[in-house]
Amino acid sequence: MNFKTYKVKQGQYQGIVDSTITIPDGLKLITGGLSDIGHGKHDGLYHYLGILKCSIDDIYPELKGLHIDAREYGDYVVITIHDISFYDKYPYLITADELNSEFDFSEYFIITWSCYLKLMNMKKIVRINSESNIDILEVTNTDYLGNGSMIKLNPDKEELDLVLNRHFSFSDYAPMRYKVVKGEIAKDYWNTLIYNAIHPFDIPFNTRLVDLNKCYNLFESNDYSELDDYLNMKKANYLD
């Protein structure tokens, strides 16, 4: 993969300064525009987001510049660039419609396990409008501590830091780092959560139900031989 260095105006603590960034050559970027301030930016500068289908190990060491980040999302890497403007017109700026038509997010599920290995929630990205405006579907199973039941369906808008939540916390209750999974077994977990949410309303919904407590039970019994497969939804214990 080739990389290219661009001269930019960049927002820093002392104000807007001249700087450079190095990113993959040909990286298509979207922006929410001047009104998309995210967690803050300087007047006249922008936040950008781009996606590549590659390994993060292929690009992370080569990314250069302040306020550039990359994180994995299944087979994709999501790159964000904050608080800049390009000196020359950036040639690979595209619309959110073009980005969403090029990249298929539908097969991926973002899952969060509690520190007790109880499934807290699952999310799906429906559409990326900008880094701070992502349409998602979420089904929850527990509260934030991973103890009490909190079953709900929730179409929502979230920023990337919440969708792919790294859970930086020193709390004993901090959930595990998010995982991105796909496949028929992951769909069965997703459908089981949906079933649990709508079942009280007598809405017909046929699916193979998964034992959502399997990981917790394995952990409590000190049986770790298959735990990783269940945590990554490569295996499921079906109730039927």
Protein backbone atom coordinates (compact mmCIF):
# COMPACT_ATOMS: atom_id res chain seq x y z
CA MET A 1 0.00 0.00 0.00
CA ASN A 2 1.28 3.45 -0.92
CA PHE A 3 1.08 6.46 1.38
CA LYS A 4 1.07 10.15 0.61
CA THR A 5 1.90 13.20 2.70
CA TYR A 6 -0.38 16.25 2.55
CA LYS A 7 0.20 19.78 3.80
CA VAL A 8 -2.64 20.84 6.09
CA LYS A 9 -3.81 23.52 8.45
CA GLN A 10 -4.20 21.77 11.78
CA GLY A 11 -5.89 22.79 15.00
CA GLN A 12 -3.67 22.50 18.04
CA TYR A 13 -3.76 23.83 21.58
CA GLN A 14 -2.02 27.05 20.65
CA GLY A 15 -4.24 27.61 17.61
CA ILE A 16 -4.16 26.72 13.91
CA VAL A 17 -0.71 25.81 12.62
CA ASP A 18 0.84 24.51 9.41
CA SER A 19 1.52 20.79 9.55
CA THR A 20 1.50 17.58 7.50
CA ILE A 21 -0.32 14.28 7.64
CA THR A 22 0.53 10.97 5.97
CA ILE A 23 -2.36 8.72 4.97
CA PRO A 24 -2.95 5.91 2.43
CA ASP A 25 -2.79 7.25 -1.11
CA GLY A 26 -6.27 7.32 -2.63
CA LEU A 27 -8.09 7.10 0.72
CA LYS A 28 -11.67 8.23 0.17
CA LEU A 29 -12.84 10.62 2.89
CA ILE A 30 -16.17 12.03 4.00
CA THR A 31 -16.82 14.96 6.29
CA GLY A 32 -19.80 16.23 8.22
CA GLY A 33 -18.89 19.75 7.20
CA LEU A 34 -18.11 22.84 9.26
CA SER A 35 -21.10 22.25 11.55
CA ASP A 36 -19.86 18.80 12.58
CA ILE A 37 -17.77 19.80 15.60
CA GLY A 38 -17.49 16.36 17.26
CA HIS A 39 -15.59 16.82 20.53
CA GLY A 40 -14.43 20.24 19.38
CA LYS A 41 -12.51 21.80 16.51
CA HIS A 42 -11.25 25.15 15.31
CA ASP A 43 -13.27 27.46 13.07
CA GLY A 44 -12.84 26.70 9.38
CA LEU A 45 -11.42 23.21 9.94
CA TYR A 46 -13.03 19.80 9.44
CA HIS A 47 -13.21 16.27 10.79
CA TYR A 48 -12.78 13.48 8.22
CA LEU A 49 -13.52 9.74 8.12
CA GLY A 50 -12.34 7.11 5.66
CA ILE A 51 -12.58 3.32 5.37
CA LEU A 52 -10.25 0.73 3.87
CA LYS A 53 -10.66 -3.02 3.53
CA CYS A 54 -7.32 -4.16 4.94
CA SER A 55 -5.51 -5.13 8.12
CA ILE A 56 -4.77 -2.42 10.65
CA ASP A 57 -1.21 -3.75 10.84
CA ASP A 58 -0.77 -2.77 7.18
CA ILE A 59 -1.42 0.90 7.76
CA TYR A 60 -1.09 1.92 11.41
CA PRO A 61 2.72 2.22 11.49
CA GLU A 62 2.65 4.42 8.38
CA LEU A 63 -0.01 6.90 9.53
CA LYS A 64 1.57 10.18 10.53
CA GLY A 65 0.18 13.36 11.99
CA LEU A 66 -1.58 14.68 15.04
CA HIS A 67 -5.24 13.73 15.59
CA ILE A 68 -5.15 10.70 13.24
CA ASP A 69 -6.57 7.43 14.50
CA ALA A 70 -7.43 4.01 13.09
CA ARG A 71 -9.50 1.19 14.48
CA GLU A 72 -10.63 -2.20 13.23
CA TYR A 73 -14.18 -2.98 12.21
CA GLY A 74 -14.31 -6.56 10.97
CA ASP A 75 -12.43 -6.73 7.67
CA TYR A 76 -12.33 -2.93 7.53
CA VAL A 77 -10.19 -0.24 9.11
CA VAL A 78 -11.87 3.06 9.97
CA ILE A 79 -9.52 6.06 9.80
CA THR A 80 -10.41 9.38 11.40
CA ILE A 81 -8.65 12.73 11.00
CA HIS A 82 -9.60 15.62 13.26
CA ASP A 83 -9.45 19.37 13.04
CA ILE A 84 -7.69 20.00 9.72
CA SER A 85 -8.13 21.52 6.30
CA PHE A 86 -6.08 20.59 3.26
CA TYR A 87 -3.98 23.31 1.61
CA ASP A 88 -4.79 21.89 -1.81
CA LYS A 89 -8.17 20.48 -2.75
CA TYR A 90 -8.29 16.88 -1.56
CA PRO A 91 -8.93 14.73 -4.66
CA TYR A 92 -10.66 11.81 -2.98
CA LEU A 93 -13.41 13.56 -1.03
CA ILE A 94 -16.73 11.71 -1.49
CA THR A 95 -20.26 11.94 -0.13
CA ALA A 96 -21.70 9.81 2.66
CA ASP A 97 -24.00 8.17 0.08
CA GLU A 98 -20.98 7.09 -1.97
CA LEU A 99 -19.19 5.73 1.10
CA ASN A 100 -22.20 3.69 2.22
CA SER A 101 -22.79 2.29 -1.25
CA GLU A 102 -19.18 1.14 -1.48
CA PHE A 103 -18.83 -0.53 1.92
CA ASP A 104 -21.26 -3.16 3.22
CA PHE A 105 -21.66 -3.05 6.99
CA SER A 106 -24.75 -5.27 7.17
CA GLU A 107 -23.01 -8.57 7.96
CA TYR A 108 -21.15 -7.31 11.04
CA PHE A 109 -22.29 -7.22 14.65
CA ILE A 110 -20.56 -5.24 17.39
CA ILE A 111 -20.80 -7.08 20.70
CA THR A 112 -19.96 -6.17 24.28
CA TRP A 113 -19.44 -8.67 27.09
CA SER A 114 -19.45 -7.65 30.73
CA CYS A 115 -16.53 -8.41 33.02
CA TYR A 116 -18.70 -11.31 34.24
CA LEU A 117 -18.94 -12.59 30.64
CA LYS A 118 -22.60 -11.79 30.26
CA LEU A 119 -23.69 -10.49 26.88
CA MET A 120 -24.52 -6.82 27.43
CA ASN A 121 -25.57 -5.69 23.94
CA MET A 122 -25.19 -6.12 20.21
CA LYS A 123 -25.13 -3.34 17.62
CA LYS A 124 -25.25 -3.06 13.85
CA ILE A 125 -24.15 -0.09 11.78
CA VAL A 126 -26.88 0.91 9.34
CA ARG A 127 -25.26 3.98 7.82
CA ILE A 128 -22.26 6.25 8.43
CA ASN A 129 -23.03 9.94 7.92
CA SER A 130 -19.90 11.21 9.66
CA GLU A 131 -17.74 10.21 12.60
CA SER A 132 -20.17 11.80 15.06
CA ASN A 133 -23.37 10.73 13.25
CA ILE A 134 -23.71 6.98 12.71
CA ASP A 135 -27.10 5.29 12.36
CA ILE A 136 -27.18 2.08 14.38
CA LEU A 137 -29.52 -0.63 15.61
CA GLU A 138 -28.90 -1.85 19.15
CA VAL A 139 -30.39 -4.66 21.21
CA THR A 140 -29.51 -4.67 24.90
CA ASN A 141 -29.56 -7.57 27.33
CA THR A 142 -28.15 -6.14 30.58
CA ASP A 143 -27.51 -2.85 32.33
CA TYR A 144 -24.10 -1.15 32.17
CA LEU A 145 -22.76 -3.22 35.07
CA GLY A 146 -23.67 -6.42 33.27
CA ASN A 147 -25.77 -7.67 36.17
CA GLY A 148 -29.39 -6.60 35.88
CA SER A 149 -31.64 -7.30 32.92
CA MET A 150 -32.31 -4.38 30.58
CA ILE A 151 -33.93 -5.73 27.43
CA LYS A 152 -34.76 -3.23 24.71
CA LEU A 153 -34.58 -2.50 20.99
CA ASN A 154 -33.07 0.84 20.14
CA PRO A 155 -32.56 2.48 16.74
CA ASP A 156 -30.21 5.35 17.47
CA LYS A 157 -27.49 7.71 16.30
CA GLU A 158 -24.08 7.43 17.93
CA GLU A 159 -20.58 8.75 17.46
CA LEU A 160 -17.82 6.36 16.48
CA ASP A 161 -16.29 6.35 19.97
CA LEU A 162 -19.55 4.91 21.33
CA VAL A 163 -20.18 2.48 18.49
CA LEU A 164 -16.67 1.02 18.76
CA ASN A 165 -16.32 1.69 22.47
CA ARG A 166 -12.86 0.99 23.84
CA HIS A 167 -14.10 1.20 27.44
CA PHE A 168 -11.09 2.95 28.90
CA SER A 169 -11.87 2.66 32.59
CA PHE A 170 -10.24 1.60 35.83
CA SER A 171 -13.59 0.47 37.22
CA ASP A 172 -13.94 -3.16 38.30
CA TYR A 173 -17.22 -3.15 36.37
CA ALA A 174 -15.76 -1.99 33.06
CA PRO A 175 -16.98 -4.21 30.22
CA MET A 176 -14.61 -5.99 27.89
CA ARG A 177 -13.34 -4.31 24.74
CA TYR A 178 -15.84 -4.53 21.90
CA LYS A 179 -15.67 -7.42 19.44
CA VAL A 180 -16.82 -7.39 15.81
CA VAL A 181 -18.27 -10.69 14.61
CA LYS A 182 -20.20 -12.03 11.65
CA GLY A 183 -21.79 -15.25 10.44
CA GLU A 184 -24.93 -17.32 10.95
CA ILE A 185 -24.20 -18.05 14.62
CA ALA A 186 -23.81 -14.34 15.36
CA LYS A 187 -27.17 -13.76 13.63
CA ASP A 188 -28.73 -16.35 15.95
CA TYR A 189 -27.44 -14.43 18.98
CA TRP A 190 -28.82 -11.20 17.49
CA ASN A 191 -32.19 -12.79 16.74
CA THR A 192 -32.36 -14.27 20.24
CA LEU A 193 -31.94 -10.81 21.74
CA ILE A 194 -34.67 -9.48 19.43
CA TYR A 195 -36.93 -12.40 20.39
CA ASN A 196 -36.44 -11.68 24.09
CA ALA A 197 -37.40 -8.03 23.52
CA ILE A 198 -40.58 -8.63 21.49
CA HIS A 199 -41.76 -11.94 22.98
CA PRO A 200 -43.84 -10.27 25.76
CA PHE A 201 -45.87 -8.51 23.04
CA ASP A 202 -46.86 -11.84 21.40
CA ILE A 203 -45.27 -10.80 18.10
CA PRO A 204 -44.49 -13.88 15.95
CA PHE A 205 -40.75 -14.28 15.45
CA ASN A 206 -39.27 -17.66 14.60
CA THR A 207 -35.59 -18.18 15.32
CA ARG A 208 -33.21 -20.65 16.91
CA LEU A 209 -32.77 -19.49 20.49
CA VAL A 210 -29.27 -19.31 21.94
CA ASP A 211 -28.34 -19.82 25.59
CA LEU A 212 -27.08 -16.31 26.39
CA ASN A 213 -25.61 -17.45 29.72
CA LYS A 214 -23.25 -20.04 28.24
CA CYS A 215 -20.09 -17.91 28.57
CA TYR A 216 -20.94 -16.90 32.12
CA ASN A 217 -21.57 -20.52 33.10
CA LEU A 218 -18.31 -21.70 31.53
CA PHE A 219 -16.42 -18.96 33.31
CA GLU A 220 -18.03 -19.73 36.68
CA SER A 221 -17.20 -23.42 36.32
CA ASN A 222 -13.58 -22.65 35.33
CA ASP A 223 -14.09 -24.37 31.98
CA TYR A 224 -12.06 -22.30 29.52
CA SER A 225 -11.49 -24.85 26.76
CA GLU A 226 -14.19 -23.47 24.44
CA LEU A 227 -14.76 -20.09 26.03
CA ASP A 228 -13.02 -18.08 23.31
CA ASP A 229 -15.19 -19.66 20.60
CA TYR A 230 -18.33 -18.67 22.48
CA LEU A 231 -17.08 -15.15 23.19
CA ASN A 232 -16.42 -14.66 19.47
CA MET A 233 -19.77 -16.26 18.55
CA LYS A 234 -18.17 -19.09 16.62
CA LYS A 235 -20.14 -21.51 18.78
CA ALA A 236 -23.56 -21.42 20.38
CA ASN A 237 -25.48 -23.55 22.83
CA TYR A 238 -28.99 -23.78 21.38
CA LEU A 239 -32.04 -24.12 23.57
CA ASP A 240 -34.16 -26.13 21.11
